[in-house]
PDB file of N, CA and C in Angstrom:
ATOM      1  N   MET A   1       8.594   8.159  -4.269  1.00  0.00           N
ATOM      2  CA  MET A   1       8.028   7.680  -3.042  1.00  0.00           C
ATOM      3  C   MET A   1       8.975   8.059  -1.910  1.00  0.00           C
ATOM      4  N   GLY A   2       8.433   8.471  -0.822  1.00  0.00           N
ATOM      5  CA  GLY A   2       9.251   8.862   0.305  1.00  0.00           C
ATOM      6  C   GLY A   2       9.797   7.672   1.072  1.00  0.00           C
ATOM      7  N   ARG A   3      10.578   7.969   2.068  1.00  0.00           N
ATOM      8  CA  ARG A   3      11.153   6.918   2.902  1.00  0.00           C
ATOM      9  C   ARG A   3      10.554   7.032   4.289  1.00  0.00           C
ATOM     10  N   LEU A   4      10.384   5.883   4.906  1.00  0.00           N
ATOM     11  CA  LEU A   4       9.804   5.827   6.231  1.00  0.00           C
ATOM     12  C   LEU A   4      10.572   4.807   7.038  1.00  0.00           C
ATOM     13  N   ARG A   5      10.893   5.133   8.256  1.00  0.00           N
ATOM     14  CA  ARG A   5      11.574   4.184   9.133  1.00  0.00           C
ATOM     15  C   ARG A   5      10.537   3.486   9.986  1.00  0.00           C
ATOM     16  N   VAL A   6      10.554   2.167   9.916  1.00  0.00           N
ATOM     17  CA  VAL A   6       9.637   1.374  10.736  1.00  0.00           C
ATOM     18  C   VAL A   6      10.427   0.267  11.405  1.00  0.00           C
ATOM     19  N   ALA A   7       9.915  -0.216  12.507  1.00  0.00           N
ATOM     20  CA  ALA A   7      10.569  -1.319  13.206  1.00  0.00           C
ATOM     21  C   ALA A   7      10.508  -2.569  12.327  1.00  0.00           C
ATOM     22  N   VAL A   8      11.561  -3.348  12.337  1.00  0.00           N
ATOM     23  CA  VAL A   8      11.632  -4.561  11.541  1.00  0.00           C
ATOM     24  C   VAL A   8      10.459  -5.486  11.853  1.00  0.00           C
ATOM     25  N   ALA A   9      10.047  -5.534  13.111  1.00  0.00           N
ATOM     26  CA  ALA A   9       8.936  -6.392  13.508  1.00  0.00           C
ATOM     27  C   ALA A   9       7.619  -5.990  12.842  1.00  0.00           C
ATOM     28  N   MET A  10       7.516  -4.750  12.389  1.00  0.00           N
ATOM     29  CA  MET A  10       6.293  -4.270  11.740  1.00  0.00           C
ATOM     30  C   MET A  10       6.230  -4.638  10.261  1.00  0.00           C
ATOM     31  N   LEU A  11       7.344  -5.017   9.660  1.00  0.00           N
ATOM     32  CA  LEU A  11       7.361  -5.290   8.222  1.00  0.00           C
ATOM     33  C   LEU A  11       6.383  -6.375   7.799  1.00  0.00           C
ATOM     34  N   PRO A  12       6.326  -7.520   8.478  1.00  0.00           N
ATOM     35  CA  PRO A  12       5.346  -8.532   8.059  1.00  0.00           C
ATOM     36  C   PRO A  12       3.899  -8.048   8.174  1.00  0.00           C
ATOM     37  N   ILE A  13       3.611  -7.262   9.182  1.00  0.00           N
ATOM     38  CA  ILE A  13       2.259  -6.746   9.377  1.00  0.00           C
ATOM     39  C   ILE A  13       1.905  -5.782   8.251  1.00  0.00           C
ATOM     40  N   LEU A  14       2.825  -4.864   7.938  1.00  0.00           N
ATOM     41  CA  LEU A  14       2.594  -3.925   6.847  1.00  0.00           C
ATOM     42  C   LEU A  14       2.477  -4.640   5.505  1.00  0.00           C
ATOM     43  N   ALA A  15       3.346  -5.601   5.281  1.00  0.00           N
ATOM     44  CA  ALA A  15       3.312  -6.352   4.023  1.00  0.00           C
ATOM     45  C   ALA A  15       1.973  -7.062   3.870  1.00  0.00           C
ATOM     46  N   ASN A  16       1.495  -7.672   4.934  1.00  0.00           N
ATOM     47  CA  ASN A  16       0.209  -8.361   4.897  1.00  0.00           C
ATOM     48  C   ASN A  16      -0.928  -7.376   4.630  1.00  0.00           C
ATOM     49  N   ALA A  17      -0.894  -6.236   5.285  1.00  0.00           N
ATOM     50  CA  ALA A  17      -1.946  -5.239   5.114  1.00  0.00           C
ATOM     51  C   ALA A  17      -1.986  -4.701   3.685  1.00  0.00           C
ATOM     52  N   LEU A  18      -0.829  -4.612   3.060  1.00  0.00           N
ATOM     53  CA  LEU A  18      -0.737  -4.079   1.700  1.00  0.00           C
ATOM     54  C   LEU A  18      -0.736  -5.167   0.636  1.00  0.00           C
ATOM     55  N   SER A  19      -0.823  -6.418   1.059  1.00  0.00           N
ATOM     56  CA  SER A  19      -0.810  -7.568   0.142  1.00  0.00           C
ATOM     57  C   SER A  19       0.429  -7.589  -0.749  1.00  0.00           C
ATOM     58  N   VAL A  20       1.573  -7.348  -0.132  1.00  0.00           N
ATOM     59  CA  VAL A  20       2.853  -7.415  -0.830  1.00  0.00           C
ATOM     60  C   VAL A  20       3.819  -8.227   0.027  1.00  0.00           C
ATOM     61  N   SER A  21       4.956  -8.566  -0.551  1.00  0.00           N
ATOM     62  CA  SER A  21       5.959  -9.284   0.233  1.00  0.00           C
ATOM     63  C   SER A  21       6.801  -8.286   1.022  1.00  0.00           C
ATOM     64  N   VAL A  22       7.456  -8.777   2.048  1.00  0.00           N
ATOM     65  CA  VAL A  22       8.361  -7.926   2.820  1.00  0.00           C
ATOM     66  C   VAL A  22       9.459  -7.390   1.902  1.00  0.00           C
ATOM     67  N   GLY A  23       9.922  -8.237   0.983  1.00  0.00           N
ATOM     68  CA  GLY A  23      10.946  -7.808   0.032  1.00  0.00           C
ATOM     69  C   GLY A  23      10.510  -6.614  -0.797  1.00  0.00           C
ATOM     70  N   GLU A  24       9.239  -6.591  -1.194  1.00  0.00           N
ATOM     71  CA  GLU A  24       8.736  -5.462  -1.976  1.00  0.00           C
ATOM     72  C   GLU A  24       8.697  -4.182  -1.143  1.00  0.00           C
ATOM     73  N   LEU A  25       8.447  -4.327   0.153  1.00  0.00           N
ATOM     74  CA  LEU A  25       8.426  -3.144   1.015  1.00  0.00           C
ATOM     75  C   LEU A  25       9.801  -2.501   1.142  1.00  0.00           C
ATOM     76  N   ILE A  26      10.829  -3.338   1.195  1.00  0.00           N
ATOM     77  CA  ILE A  26      12.167  -2.792   1.437  1.00  0.00           C
ATOM     78  C   ILE A  26      13.015  -2.693   0.174  1.00  0.00           C
ATOM     79  N   GLU A  27      12.446  -3.085  -0.952  1.00  0.00           N
ATOM     80  CA  GLU A  27      13.175  -3.069  -2.215  1.00  0.00           C
ATOM     81  C   GLU A  27      13.599  -1.654  -2.583  1.00  0.00           C
ATOM     82  N   GLU A  28      14.849  -1.545  -2.969  1.00  0.00           N
ATOM     83  CA  GLU A  28      15.361  -0.264  -3.444  1.00  0.00           C
ATOM     84  C   GLU A  28      14.812  -0.006  -4.830  1.00  0.00           C
ATOM     85  N   GLN A  29      14.779   1.255  -5.210  1.00  0.00           N
ATOM     86  CA  GLN A  29      14.293   1.608  -6.533  1.00  0.00           C
ATOM     87  C   GLN A  29      15.184   0.978  -7.598  1.00  0.00           C
ATOM     88  N   VAL A  30      14.577   0.530  -8.681  1.00  0.00           N
ATOM     89  CA  VAL A  30      15.303  -0.116  -9.762  1.00  0.00           C
ATOM     90  C   VAL A  30      16.318   0.868 -10.338  1.00  0.00           C
ATOM     91  N   ALA A  31      17.553   0.386 -10.527  1.00  0.00           N
ATOM     92  CA  ALA A  31      18.620   1.235 -11.062  1.00  0.00           C
ATOM     93  C   ALA A  31      18.223   1.768 -12.422  1.00  0.00           C
ATOM     94  N   GLY A  32      18.480   3.036 -12.638  1.00  0.00           N
ATOM     95  CA  GLY A  32      18.193   3.657 -13.914  1.00  0.00           C
ATOM     96  C   GLY A  32      16.801   4.252 -14.007  1.00  0.00           C
ATOM     97  N   THR A  33      15.942   3.950 -13.061  1.00  0.00           N
ATOM     98  CA  THR A  33      14.601   4.507 -13.067  1.00  0.00           C
ATOM     99  C   THR A  33      14.615   5.797 -12.262  1.00  0.00           C
ATOM    100  N   PRO A  34      14.242   6.897 -12.886  1.00  0.00           N
ATOM    101  CA  PRO A  34      14.261   8.160 -12.146  1.00  0.00           C
ATOM    102  C   PRO A  34      13.225   8.154 -11.031  1.00  0.00           C
ATOM    103  N   SER A  35      13.591   8.722  -9.903  1.00  0.00           N
ATOM    104  CA  SER A  35      12.646   8.770  -8.796  1.00  0.00           C
ATOM    105  C   SER A  35      11.696   9.939  -9.003  1.00  0.00           C
ATOM    106  N   LYS A  36      10.457   9.734  -8.602  1.00  0.00           N
ATOM    107  CA  LYS A  36       9.447  10.766  -8.734  1.00  0.00           C
ATOM    108  C   LYS A  36       9.470  11.611  -7.464  1.00  0.00           C
ATOM    109  N   ARG A  37       9.568  12.877  -7.621  1.00  0.00           N
ATOM    110  CA  ARG A  37       9.580  13.777  -6.470  1.00  0.00           C
ATOM    111  C   ARG A  37       8.309  14.602  -6.465  1.00  0.00           C
ATOM    112  N   GLY A  38       7.989  15.123  -5.325  1.00  0.00           N
ATOM    113  CA  GLY A  38       6.807  15.959  -5.223  1.00  0.00           C
ATOM    114  C   GLY A  38       5.872  15.420  -4.169  1.00  0.00           C
ATOM    115  N   PRO A  39       4.679  15.999  -4.103  1.00  0.00           N
ATOM    116  CA  PRO A  39       3.729  15.576  -3.078  1.00  0.00           C
ATOM    117  C   PRO A  39       3.268  14.142  -3.294  1.00  0.00           C
ATOM    118  N   ILE A  40       2.957  13.484  -2.195  1.00  0.00           N
ATOM    119  CA  ILE A  40       2.465  12.105  -2.249  1.00  0.00           C
ATOM    120  C   ILE A  40       1.023  12.158  -2.764  1.00  0.00           C
ATOM    121  N   PRO A  41       0.723  11.346  -3.787  1.00  0.00           N
ATOM    122  CA  PRO A  41      -0.653  11.337  -4.297  1.00  0.00           C
ATOM    123  C   PRO A  41      -1.652  10.970  -3.206  1.00  0.00           C
ATOM    124  N   LYS A  42      -2.855  11.502  -3.349  1.00  0.00           N
ATOM    125  CA  LYS A  42      -3.897  11.278  -2.351  1.00  0.00           C
ATOM    126  C   LYS A  42      -4.179   9.790  -2.148  1.00  0.00           C
ATOM    127  N   LEU A  43      -4.230   9.011  -3.233  1.00  0.00           N
ATOM    128  CA  LEU A  43      -4.510   7.585  -3.113  1.00  0.00           C
ATOM    129  C   LEU A  43      -3.436   6.882  -2.291  1.00  0.00           C
ATOM    130  N   GLN A  44      -2.181   7.258  -2.494  1.00  0.00           N
ATOM    131  CA  GLN A  44      -1.094   6.642  -1.728  1.00  0.00           C
ATOM    132  C   GLN A  44      -1.239   6.975  -0.245  1.00  0.00           C
ATOM    133  N   LYS A  45      -1.599   8.205   0.061  1.00  0.00           N
ATOM    134  CA  LYS A  45      -1.812   8.578   1.462  1.00  0.00           C
ATOM    135  C   LYS A  45      -2.950   7.771   2.072  1.00  0.00           C
ATOM    136  N   GLN A  46      -4.007   7.577   1.282  1.00  0.00           N
ATOM    137  CA  GLN A  46      -5.140   6.818   1.785  1.00  0.00           C
ATOM    138  C   GLN A  46      -4.759   5.363   2.035  1.00  0.00           C
ATOM    139  N   ILE A  47      -3.975   4.787   1.145  1.00  0.00           N
ATOM    140  CA  ILE A  47      -3.537   3.402   1.330  1.00  0.00           C
ATOM    141  C   ILE A  47      -2.705   3.280   2.601  1.00  0.00           C
ATOM    142  N   GLU A  48      -1.839   4.244   2.830  1.00  0.00           N
ATOM    143  CA  GLU A  48      -1.033   4.233   4.056  1.00  0.00           C
ATOM    144  C   GLU A  48      -1.921   4.323   5.289  1.00  0.00           C
ATOM    145  N   GLN A  49      -2.970   5.149   5.217  1.00  0.00           N
ATOM    146  CA  GLN A  49      -3.884   5.282   6.347  1.00  0.00           C
ATOM    147  C   GLN A  49      -4.678   3.993   6.568  1.00  0.00           C
ATOM    148  N   VAL A  50      -5.109   3.357   5.481  1.00  0.00           N
ATOM    149  CA  VAL A  50      -5.847   2.101   5.591  1.00  0.00           C
ATOM    150  C   VAL A  50      -4.973   1.030   6.237  1.00  0.00           C
ATOM    151  N   SER A  51      -3.681   1.029   5.908  1.00  0.00           N
ATOM    152  CA  SER A  51      -2.787   0.014   6.469  1.00  0.00           C
ATOM    153  C   SER A  51      -2.650   0.140   7.984  1.00  0.00           C
ATOM    154  N   LEU A  52      -3.023   1.272   8.536  1.00  0.00           N
ATOM    155  CA  LEU A  52      -2.950   1.476   9.985  1.00  0.00           C
ATOM    156  C   LEU A  52      -4.246   1.102  10.702  1.00  0.00           C
ATOM    157  N   LEU A  53      -5.302   0.824   9.929  1.00  0.00           N
ATOM    158  CA  LEU A  53      -6.582   0.451  10.519  1.00  0.00           C
ATOM    159  C   LEU A  53      -6.523  -0.973  11.074  1.00  0.00           C
ATOM    160  N   PRO A  54      -7.462  -1.317  11.962  1.00  0.00           N
ATOM    161  CA  PRO A  54      -7.559  -2.710  12.415  1.00  0.00           C
ATOM    162  C   PRO A  54      -7.852  -3.628  11.217  1.00  0.00           C
ATOM    163  N   ARG A  55      -7.459  -4.867  11.322  1.00  0.00           N
ATOM    164  CA  ARG A  55      -7.566  -5.828  10.221  1.00  0.00           C
ATOM    165  C   ARG A  55      -8.993  -5.935   9.661  1.00  0.00           C
ATOM    166  N   THR A  56      -9.992  -5.938  10.530  1.00  0.00           N
ATOM    167  CA  THR A  56     -11.375  -6.063  10.056  1.00  0.00           C
ATOM    168  C   THR A  56     -11.776  -4.873   9.192  1.00  0.00           C
ATOM    169  N   LYS A  57     -11.336  -3.688   9.555  1.00  0.00           N
ATOM    170  CA  LYS A  57     -11.654  -2.505   8.753  1.00  0.00           C
ATOM    171  C   LYS A  57     -10.863  -2.509   7.440  1.00  0.00           C
ATOM    172  N   GLN A  58      -9.634  -3.025   7.472  1.00  0.00           N
ATOM    173  CA  GLN A  58      -8.857  -3.156   6.240  1.00  0.00           C
ATOM    174  C   GLN A  58      -9.593  -4.078   5.265  1.00  0.00           C
ATOM    175  N   LYS A  59     -10.100  -5.199   5.779  1.00  0.00           N
ATOM    176  CA  LYS A  59     -10.826  -6.149   4.928  1.00  0.00           C
ATOM    177  C   LYS A  59     -12.064  -5.496   4.327  1.00  0.00           C
ATOM    178  N   PHE A  60     -12.758  -4.677   5.106  1.00  0.00           N
ATOM    179  CA  PHE A  60     -13.941  -3.989   4.600  1.00  0.00           C
ATOM    180  C   PHE A  60     -13.563  -3.038   3.468  1.00  0.00           C
ATOM    181  N   VAL A  61     -12.510  -2.274   3.648  1.00  0.00           N
ATOM    182  CA  VAL A  61     -12.060  -1.343   2.605  1.00  0.00           C
ATOM    183  C   VAL A  61     -11.666  -2.117   1.343  1.00  0.00           C
ATOM    184  N   MET A  62     -10.938  -3.220   1.510  1.00  0.00           N
ATOM    185  CA  MET A  62     -10.538  -4.034   0.353  1.00  0.00           C
ATOM    186  C   MET A  62     -11.758  -4.601  -0.357  1.00  0.00           C
ATOM    187  N   TYR A  63     -12.777  -5.024   0.405  1.00  0.00           N
ATOM    188  CA  TYR A  63     -14.003  -5.547  -0.183  1.00  0.00           C
ATOM    189  C   TYR A  63     -14.683  -4.458  -1.020  1.00  0.00           C
ATOM    190  N   MET A  64     -14.764  -3.264  -0.474  1.00  0.00           N
ATOM    191  CA  MET A  64     -15.398  -2.157  -1.197  1.00  0.00           C
ATOM    192  C   MET A  64     -14.628  -1.833  -2.479  1.00  0.00           C
ATOM    193  N   LEU A  65     -13.314  -1.797  -2.395  1.00  0.00           N
ATOM    194  CA  LEU A  65     -12.506  -1.537  -3.585  1.00  0.00           C
ATOM    195  C   LEU A  65     -12.701  -2.618  -4.643  1.00  0.00           C
ATOM    196  N   ASP A  66     -12.680  -3.873  -4.210  1.00  0.00           N
ATOM    197  CA  ASP A  66     -12.895  -4.982  -5.143  1.00  0.00           C
ATOM    198  C   ASP A  66     -14.256  -4.866  -5.825  1.00  0.00           C
ATOM    199  N   THR A  67     -15.275  -4.492  -5.072  1.00  0.00           N
ATOM    200  CA  THR A  67     -16.616  -4.347  -5.622  1.00  0.00           C
ATOM    201  C   THR A  67     -16.650  -3.282  -6.713  1.00  0.00           C
ATOM    202  N   VAL A  68     -16.072  -2.129  -6.433  1.00  0.00           N
ATOM    203  CA  VAL A  68     -16.051  -1.038  -7.403  1.00  0.00           C
ATOM    204  C   VAL A  68     -15.240  -1.432  -8.630  1.00  0.00           C
ATOM    205  N   ILE A  69     -14.087  -2.035  -8.430  1.00  0.00           N
ATOM    206  CA  ILE A  69     -13.227  -2.433  -9.553  1.00  0.00           C
ATOM    207  C   ILE A  69     -13.930  -3.481 -10.407  1.00  0.00           C
ATOM    208  N   ASN A  70     -14.564  -4.463  -9.771  1.00  0.00           N
ATOM    209  CA  ASN A  70     -15.271  -5.501 -10.526  1.00  0.00           C
ATOM    210  C   ASN A  70     -16.459  -4.933 -11.290  1.00  0.00           C
ATOM    211  N   GLN A  71     -17.164  -3.964 -10.718  1.00  0.00           N
ATOM    212  CA  GLN A  71     -18.281  -3.319 -11.428  1.00  0.00           C
ATOM    213  C   GLN A  71     -17.773  -2.570 -12.642  1.00  0.00           C
ATOM    214  N   GLN A  72     -16.638  -1.919 -12.510  1.00  0.00           N
ATOM    215  CA  GLN A  72     -16.060  -1.141 -13.616  1.00  0.00           C
ATOM    216  C   GLN A  72     -15.634  -2.066 -14.752  1.00  0.00           C
ATOM    217  N   SER A  73     -14.991  -3.180 -14.421  1.00  0.00           N
ATOM    218  CA  SER A  73     -14.503  -4.080 -15.464  1.00  0.00           C
ATOM    219  C   SER A  73     -15.652  -4.870 -16.103  1.00  0.00           C
ATOM    220  N   ALA A  74     -16.764  -5.049 -15.371  1.00  0.00           N
ATOM    221  CA  ALA A  74     -17.914  -5.765 -15.920  1.00  0.00           C
ATOM    222  C   ALA A  74     -18.770  -4.844 -16.805  1.00  0.00           C
ATOM    223  N   GLY A  75     -18.671  -3.547 -16.547  1.00  0.00           N
ATOM    224  CA  GLY A  75     -19.562  -2.622 -17.265  1.00  0.00           C
ATOM    225  C   GLY A  75     -18.875  -1.992 -18.367  1.00  0.00           C
TER     226      GLY A  75
END
């Protein structure tokens, strides 16, 4: 995963958008775990783009994802 510099004030907003804690956003890679290098997967890029959308659009995307995931696990 790449590194990105963001203002400290943005961390709670990003954490909320990604449904993670601020600690998870700034957590260093676990010692002994090799870092993966190469291009950023398409899904990761999309998640980053969704996190920049207005909150209402983020909720819509999350709703759609939940719907698809729930249909897959039910079927």
